[in-house]
């Protein structure tokens, strides 16, 4: 059986933490920033942690070597 390949599109969007959680960059911080509050933009800067329901799929199917 050949090796499983990592989905490169997923590898660019997600990364694994030391404890095995899946980290991602939050959306909505690219353009049209004037109407968004400073508090909202500040919270969007920090990385998000993927929910457990989606974590299993991402780790098994998209990042098998992660």
PDB file of N, CA and C in Angstrom:
ATOM      1  N   UNK A   1       0.843  -1.185   0.000  1.00  0.00           N
ATOM      2  CA  UNK A   1       0.000   0.000   0.000  1.00  0.00           C
ATOM      3  C   UNK A   1       0.887   1.247   0.000  1.00  0.00           C
ATOM      4  N   UNK A   2       0.628   2.207  -0.898  1.00  0.00           N
ATOM      5  CA  UNK A   2       1.461   3.406  -0.955  1.00  0.00           C
ATOM      6  C   UNK A   2       1.203   4.330   0.239  1.00  0.00           C
ATOM      7  N   UNK A   3       2.122   5.239   0.433  1.00  0.00           N
ATOM      8  CA  UNK A   3       1.982   6.218   1.513  1.00  0.00           C
ATOM      9  C   UNK A   3       0.789   7.118   1.235  1.00  0.00           C
ATOM     10  N   UNK A   4       0.170   7.625   2.314  1.00  0.00           N
ATOM     11  CA  UNK A   4      -0.910   8.593   2.165  1.00  0.00           C
ATOM     12  C   UNK A   4      -0.302   9.965   1.960  1.00  0.00           C
ATOM     13  N   UNK A   5      -0.818  10.697   1.017  1.00  0.00           N
ATOM     14  CA  UNK A   5      -0.315  12.040   0.747  1.00  0.00           C
ATOM     15  C   UNK A   5      -1.099  13.064   1.563  1.00  0.00           C
ATOM     16  N   UNK A   6      -0.408  14.095   2.000  1.00  0.00           N
ATOM     17  CA  UNK A   6      -1.040  15.211   2.694  1.00  0.00           C
ATOM     18  C   UNK A   6      -1.742  16.084   1.667  1.00  0.00           C
ATOM     19  N   UNK A   7      -2.959  16.529   1.993  1.00  0.00           N
ATOM     20  CA  UNK A   7      -3.657  17.488   1.120  1.00  0.00           C
ATOM     21  C   UNK A   7      -2.979  18.836   1.336  1.00  0.00           C
ATOM     22  N   UNK A   8      -2.296  19.322   0.308  1.00  0.00           N
ATOM     23  CA  UNK A   8      -1.503  20.542   0.452  1.00  0.00           C
ATOM     24  C   UNK A   8      -2.361  21.764   0.747  1.00  0.00           C
ATOM     25  N   UNK A   9      -3.587  21.795   0.216  1.00  0.00           N
ATOM     26  CA  UNK A   9      -4.465  22.932   0.500  1.00  0.00           C
ATOM     27  C   UNK A   9      -4.805  22.973   1.988  1.00  0.00           C
ATOM     28  N   UNK A  10      -4.979  21.808   2.595  1.00  0.00           N
ATOM     29  CA  UNK A  10      -5.277  21.750   4.032  1.00  0.00           C
ATOM     30  C   UNK A  10      -4.039  22.066   4.855  1.00  0.00           C
ATOM     31  N   UNK A  11      -2.874  21.632   4.381  1.00  0.00           N
ATOM     32  CA  UNK A  11      -1.631  21.877   5.117  1.00  0.00           C
ATOM     33  C   UNK A  11      -1.336  23.369   5.219  1.00  0.00           C
ATOM     34  N   UNK A  12      -1.769  24.141   4.218  1.00  0.00           N
ATOM     35  CA  UNK A  12      -1.549  25.582   4.233  1.00  0.00           C
ATOM     36  C   UNK A  12      -2.530  26.289   5.166  1.00  0.00           C
ATOM     37  N   UNK A  13      -3.673  25.681   5.441  1.00  0.00           N
ATOM     38  CA  UNK A  13      -4.710  26.312   6.243  1.00  0.00           C
ATOM     39  C   UNK A  13      -4.699  25.888   7.706  1.00  0.00           C
ATOM     40  N   UNK A  14      -4.289  24.654   7.971  1.00  0.00           N
ATOM     41  CA  UNK A  14      -4.319  24.113   9.326  1.00  0.00           C
ATOM     42  C   UNK A  14      -2.924  23.749   9.791  1.00  0.00           C
ATOM     43  N   UNK A  15      -2.717  23.798  11.106  1.00  0.00           N
ATOM     44  CA  UNK A  15      -1.475  23.292  11.691  1.00  0.00           C
ATOM     45  C   UNK A  15      -1.830  22.637  13.016  1.00  0.00           C
ATOM     46  N   UNK A  16      -0.989  21.722  13.462  1.00  0.00           N
ATOM     47  CA  UNK A  16      -1.243  20.999  14.697  1.00  0.00           C
ATOM     48  C   UNK A  16      -0.469  21.617  15.854  1.00  0.00           C
ATOM     49  N   UNK A  17      -1.112  21.641  17.011  1.00  0.00           N
ATOM     50  CA  UNK A  17      -0.442  22.128  18.211  1.00  0.00           C
ATOM     51  C   UNK A  17       0.315  20.973  18.852  1.00  0.00           C
ATOM     52  N   UNK A  18       1.053  21.262  19.901  1.00  0.00           N
ATOM     53  CA  UNK A  18       1.819  20.231  20.582  1.00  0.00           C
ATOM     54  C   UNK A  18       0.950  19.157  21.220  1.00  0.00           C
ATOM     55  N   UNK A  19      -0.277  19.531  21.609  1.00  0.00           N
ATOM     56  CA  UNK A  19      -1.177  18.568  22.247  1.00  0.00           C
ATOM     57  C   UNK A  19      -2.072  17.854  21.244  1.00  0.00           C
ATOM     58  N   UNK A  20      -1.895  18.158  19.948  1.00  0.00           N
ATOM     59  CA  UNK A  20      -2.656  17.454  18.921  1.00  0.00           C
ATOM     60  C   UNK A  20      -3.921  18.152  18.462  1.00  0.00           C
ATOM     61  N   UNK A  21      -4.158  19.367  18.932  1.00  0.00           N
ATOM     62  CA  UNK A  21      -5.327  20.112  18.470  1.00  0.00           C
ATOM     63  C   UNK A  21      -5.024  20.728  17.108  1.00  0.00           C
ATOM     64  N   UNK A  22      -6.083  21.070  16.358  1.00  0.00           N
ATOM     65  CA  UNK A  22      -5.907  21.648  15.029  1.00  0.00           C
ATOM     66  C   UNK A  22      -6.145  23.150  15.118  1.00  0.00           C
ATOM     67  N   UNK A  23      -5.164  23.923  14.662  1.00  0.00           N
ATOM     68  CA  UNK A  23      -5.184  25.381  14.732  1.00  0.00           C
ATOM     69  C   UNK A  23      -5.413  25.947  13.338  1.00  0.00           C
ATOM     70  N   UNK A  24      -6.156  27.055  13.249  1.00  0.00           N
ATOM     71  CA  UNK A  24      -6.408  27.690  11.956  1.00  0.00           C
ATOM     72  C   UNK A  24      -6.499  29.195  12.131  1.00  0.00           C
ATOM     73  N   UNK A  25      -6.353  29.941  11.024  1.00  0.00           N
ATOM     74  CA  UNK A  25      -6.489  31.392  11.058  1.00  0.00           C
ATOM     75  C   UNK A  25      -7.941  31.747  10.820  1.00  0.00           C
ATOM     76  N   UNK A  26      -8.458  32.674  11.609  1.00  0.00           N
ATOM     77  CA  UNK A  26      -9.856  33.065  11.479  1.00  0.00           C
ATOM     78  C   UNK A  26     -10.084  33.905  10.228  1.00  0.00           C
ATOM     79  N   UNK A  27     -11.293  33.834   9.701  1.00  0.00           N
ATOM     80  CA  UNK A  27     -11.634  34.575   8.491  1.00  0.00           C
ATOM     81  C   UNK A  27     -12.127  35.988   8.826  1.00  0.00           C
ATOM     82  N   UNK A  28     -12.385  36.771   7.799  1.00  0.00           N
ATOM     83  CA  UNK A  28     -12.955  38.126   7.891  1.00  0.00           C
ATOM     84  C   UNK A  28     -11.984  39.204   8.341  1.00  0.00           C
ATOM     85  N   UNK A  29     -10.695  39.052   8.066  1.00  0.00           N
ATOM     86  CA  UNK A  29      -9.748  40.101   8.440  1.00  0.00           C
ATOM     87  C   UNK A  29      -8.927  40.533   7.228  1.00  0.00           C
ATOM     88  N   UNK A  30      -9.462  40.400   6.026  1.00  0.00           N
ATOM     89  CA  UNK A  30      -8.726  40.716   4.812  1.00  0.00           C
ATOM     90  C   UNK A  30      -9.077  42.095   4.243  1.00  0.00           C
ATOM     91  N   UNK A  31     -10.357  42.398   4.147  1.00  0.00           N
ATOM     92  CA  UNK A  31     -10.759  43.674   3.555  1.00  0.00           C
ATOM     93  C   UNK A  31     -12.081  44.114   4.166  1.00  0.00           C
ATOM     94  N   UNK A  32     -12.517  45.329   3.806  1.00  0.00           N
ATOM     95  CA  UNK A  32     -13.700  45.975   4.390  1.00  0.00           C
ATOM     96  C   UNK A  32     -13.581  45.981   5.918  1.00  0.00           C
ATOM     97  N   UNK A  33     -12.488  46.564   6.395  1.00  0.00           N
ATOM     98  CA  UNK A  33     -12.219  46.559   7.831  1.00  0.00           C
ATOM     99  C   UNK A  33     -12.779  47.784   8.547  1.00  0.00           C
ATOM    100  N   UNK A  34     -13.200  48.793   7.791  1.00  0.00           N
ATOM    101  CA  UNK A  34     -13.644  50.035   8.424  1.00  0.00           C
ATOM    102  C   UNK A  34     -14.946  49.848   9.193  1.00  0.00           C
ATOM    103  N   UNK A  35     -15.815  48.981   8.734  1.00  0.00           N
ATOM    104  CA  UNK A  35     -17.101  48.793   9.412  1.00  0.00           C
ATOM    105  C   UNK A  35     -17.028  47.808  10.574  1.00  0.00           C
ATOM    106  N   UNK A  36     -15.905  47.138  10.725  1.00  0.00           N
ATOM    107  CA  UNK A  36     -15.743  46.179  11.813  1.00  0.00           C
ATOM    108  C   UNK A  36     -15.139  46.883  13.026  1.00  0.00           C
ATOM    109  N   UNK A  37     -15.638  46.536  14.195  1.00  0.00           N
ATOM    110  CA  UNK A  37     -15.175  47.206  15.410  1.00  0.00           C
ATOM    111  C   UNK A  37     -13.751  46.762  15.756  1.00  0.00           C
ATOM    112  N   UNK A  38     -13.075  47.569  16.532  1.00  0.00           N
ATOM    113  CA  UNK A  38     -11.704  47.257  16.941  1.00  0.00           C
ATOM    114  C   UNK A  38     -11.673  45.973  17.767  1.00  0.00           C
ATOM    115  N   UNK A  39     -12.687  45.782  18.586  1.00  0.00           N
ATOM    116  CA  UNK A  39     -12.761  44.573  19.412  1.00  0.00           C
ATOM    117  C   UNK A  39     -12.874  43.323  18.541  1.00  0.00           C
ATOM    118  N   UNK A  40     -13.712  43.420  17.518  1.00  0.00           N
ATOM    119  CA  UNK A  40     -13.899  42.278  16.609  1.00  0.00           C
ATOM    120  C   UNK A  40     -12.621  41.953  15.854  1.00  0.00           C
ATOM    121  N   UNK A  41     -11.940  42.993  15.353  1.00  0.00           N
ATOM    122  CA  UNK A  41     -10.691  42.787  14.613  1.00  0.00           C
ATOM    123  C   UNK A  41      -9.602  42.220  15.512  1.00  0.00           C
ATOM    124  N   UNK A  42      -9.574  42.658  16.757  1.00  0.00           N
ATOM    125  CA  UNK A  42      -8.585  42.162  17.715  1.00  0.00           C
ATOM    126  C   UNK A  42      -8.798  40.680  17.995  1.00  0.00           C
ATOM    127  N   UNK A  43     -10.051  40.256  18.117  1.00  0.00           N
ATOM    128  CA  UNK A  43     -10.353  38.842  18.376  1.00  0.00           C
ATOM    129  C   UNK A  43     -10.065  37.974  17.153  1.00  0.00           C
ATOM    130  N   UNK A  44     -10.200  38.537  15.967  1.00  0.00           N
ATOM    131  CA  UNK A  44      -9.945  37.782  14.735  1.00  0.00           C
ATOM    132  C   UNK A  44      -8.458  37.542  14.490  1.00  0.00           C
ATOM    133  N   UNK A  45      -7.601  38.347  15.148  1.00  0.00           N
ATOM    134  CA  UNK A  45      -6.158  38.183  14.966  1.00  0.00           C
ATOM    135  C   UNK A  45      -5.650  36.861  15.516  1.00  0.00           C
ATOM    136  N   UNK A  46      -6.250  36.402  16.593  1.00  0.00           N
ATOM    137  CA  UNK A  46      -5.770  35.189  17.255  1.00  0.00           C
ATOM    138  C   UNK A  46      -6.209  33.941  16.502  1.00  0.00           C
ATOM    139  N   UNK A  47      -5.414  32.913  16.587  1.00  0.00           N
ATOM    140  CA  UNK A  47      -5.731  31.654  15.921  1.00  0.00           C
ATOM    141  C   UNK A  47      -6.912  30.983  16.602  1.00  0.00           C
ATOM    142  N   UNK A  48      -7.682  30.241  15.820  1.00  0.00           N
ATOM    143  CA  UNK A  48      -8.806  29.492  16.356  1.00  0.00           C
ATOM    144  C   UNK A  48      -8.431  28.028  16.503  1.00  0.00           C
ATOM    145  N   UNK A  49      -9.136  27.336  17.381  1.00  0.00           N
ATOM    146  CA  UNK A  49      -8.949  25.903  17.563  1.00  0.00           C
ATOM    147  C   UNK A  49     -10.179  25.216  16.980  1.00  0.00           C
ATOM    148  N   UNK A  50      -9.949  24.251  16.128  1.00  0.00           N
ATOM    149  CA  UNK A  50     -11.034  23.554  15.444  1.00  0.00           C
ATOM    150  C   UNK A  50     -11.867  22.754  16.439  1.00  0.00           C
ATOM    151  N   UNK A  51     -13.176  22.679  16.186  1.00  0.00           N
ATOM    152  CA  UNK A  51     -14.073  21.907  17.052  1.00  0.00           C
ATOM    153  C   UNK A  51     -13.746  20.415  16.949  1.00  0.00           C
ATOM    154  N   UNK A  52     -14.044  19.676  18.010  1.00  0.00           N
ATOM    155  CA  UNK A  52     -13.719  18.249  18.045  1.00  0.00           C
ATOM    156  C   UNK A  52     -14.421  17.479  16.930  1.00  0.00           C
ATOM    157  N   UNK A  53     -15.623  17.916  16.562  1.00  0.00           N
ATOM    158  CA  UNK A  53     -16.385  17.228  15.522  1.00  0.00           C
ATOM    159  C   UNK A  53     -15.641  17.252  14.179  1.00  0.00           C
ATOM    160  N   UNK A  54     -14.982  18.350  13.874  1.00  0.00           N
ATOM    161  CA  UNK A  54     -14.256  18.487  12.614  1.00  0.00           C
ATOM    162  C   UNK A  54     -12.796  18.062  12.729  1.00  0.00           C
ATOM    163  N   UNK A  55     -12.278  18.025  13.952  1.00  0.00           N
ATOM    164  CA  UNK A  55     -10.863  17.740  14.168  1.00  0.00           C
ATOM    165  C   UNK A  55     -10.484  16.349  13.667  1.00  0.00           C
ATOM    166  N   UNK A  56     -11.337  15.379  13.927  1.00  0.00           N
ATOM    167  CA  UNK A  56     -11.038  13.995  13.537  1.00  0.00           C
ATOM    168  C   UNK A  56     -10.929  13.875  12.023  1.00  0.00           C
ATOM    169  N   UNK A  57     -11.840  14.503  11.299  1.00  0.00           N
ATOM    170  CA  UNK A  57     -11.827  14.450   9.838  1.00  0.00           C
ATOM    171  C   UNK A  57     -10.572  15.082   9.273  1.00  0.00           C
ATOM    172  N   UNK A  58     -10.225  16.245   9.770  1.00  0.00           N
ATOM    173  CA  UNK A  58      -9.053  16.962   9.258  1.00  0.00           C
ATOM    174  C   UNK A  58      -7.784  16.170   9.523  1.00  0.00           C
ATOM    175  N   UNK A  59      -7.657  15.618  10.723  1.00  0.00           N
ATOM    176  CA  UNK A  59      -6.438  14.896  11.063  1.00  0.00           C
ATOM    177  C   UNK A  59      -6.302  13.582  10.294  1.00  0.00           C
ATOM    178  N   UNK A  60      -7.399  12.877  10.083  1.00  0.00           N
ATOM    179  CA  UNK A  60      -7.325  11.573   9.422  1.00  0.00           C
ATOM    180  C   UNK A  60      -7.245  11.681   7.905  1.00  0.00           C
ATOM    181  N   UNK A  61      -8.073  12.543   7.320  1.00  0.00           N
ATOM    182  CA  UNK A  61      -8.180  12.583   5.859  1.00  0.00           C
ATOM    183  C   UNK A  61      -7.282  13.613   5.205  1.00  0.00           C
ATOM    184  N   UNK A  62      -7.101  14.756   5.846  1.00  0.00           N
ATOM    185  CA  UNK A  62      -6.375  15.847   5.199  1.00  0.00           C
ATOM    186  C   UNK A  62      -4.922  15.948   5.646  1.00  0.00           C
ATOM    187  N   UNK A  63      -4.664  15.641   6.919  1.00  0.00           N
ATOM    188  CA  UNK A  63      -3.300  15.733   7.441  1.00  0.00           C
ATOM    189  C   UNK A  63      -2.873  14.383   8.043  1.00  0.00           C
ATOM    190  N   UNK A  64      -2.774  13.348   7.245  1.00  0.00           N
ATOM    191  CA  UNK A  64      -2.476  12.026   7.810  1.00  0.00           C
ATOM    192  C   UNK A  64      -1.086  11.925   8.444  1.00  0.00           C
ATOM    193  N   UNK A  65      -0.139  12.743   8.005  1.00  0.00           N
ATOM    194  CA  UNK A  65       1.218  12.678   8.536  1.00  0.00           C
ATOM    195  C   UNK A  65       1.486  13.730   9.599  1.00  0.00           C
ATOM    196  N   UNK A  66       0.450  14.472   9.981  1.00  0.00           N
ATOM    197  CA  UNK A  66       0.627  15.577  10.912  1.00  0.00           C
ATOM    198  C   UNK A  66       0.740  15.191  12.348  1.00  0.00           C
TER     199      UNK A  66
END
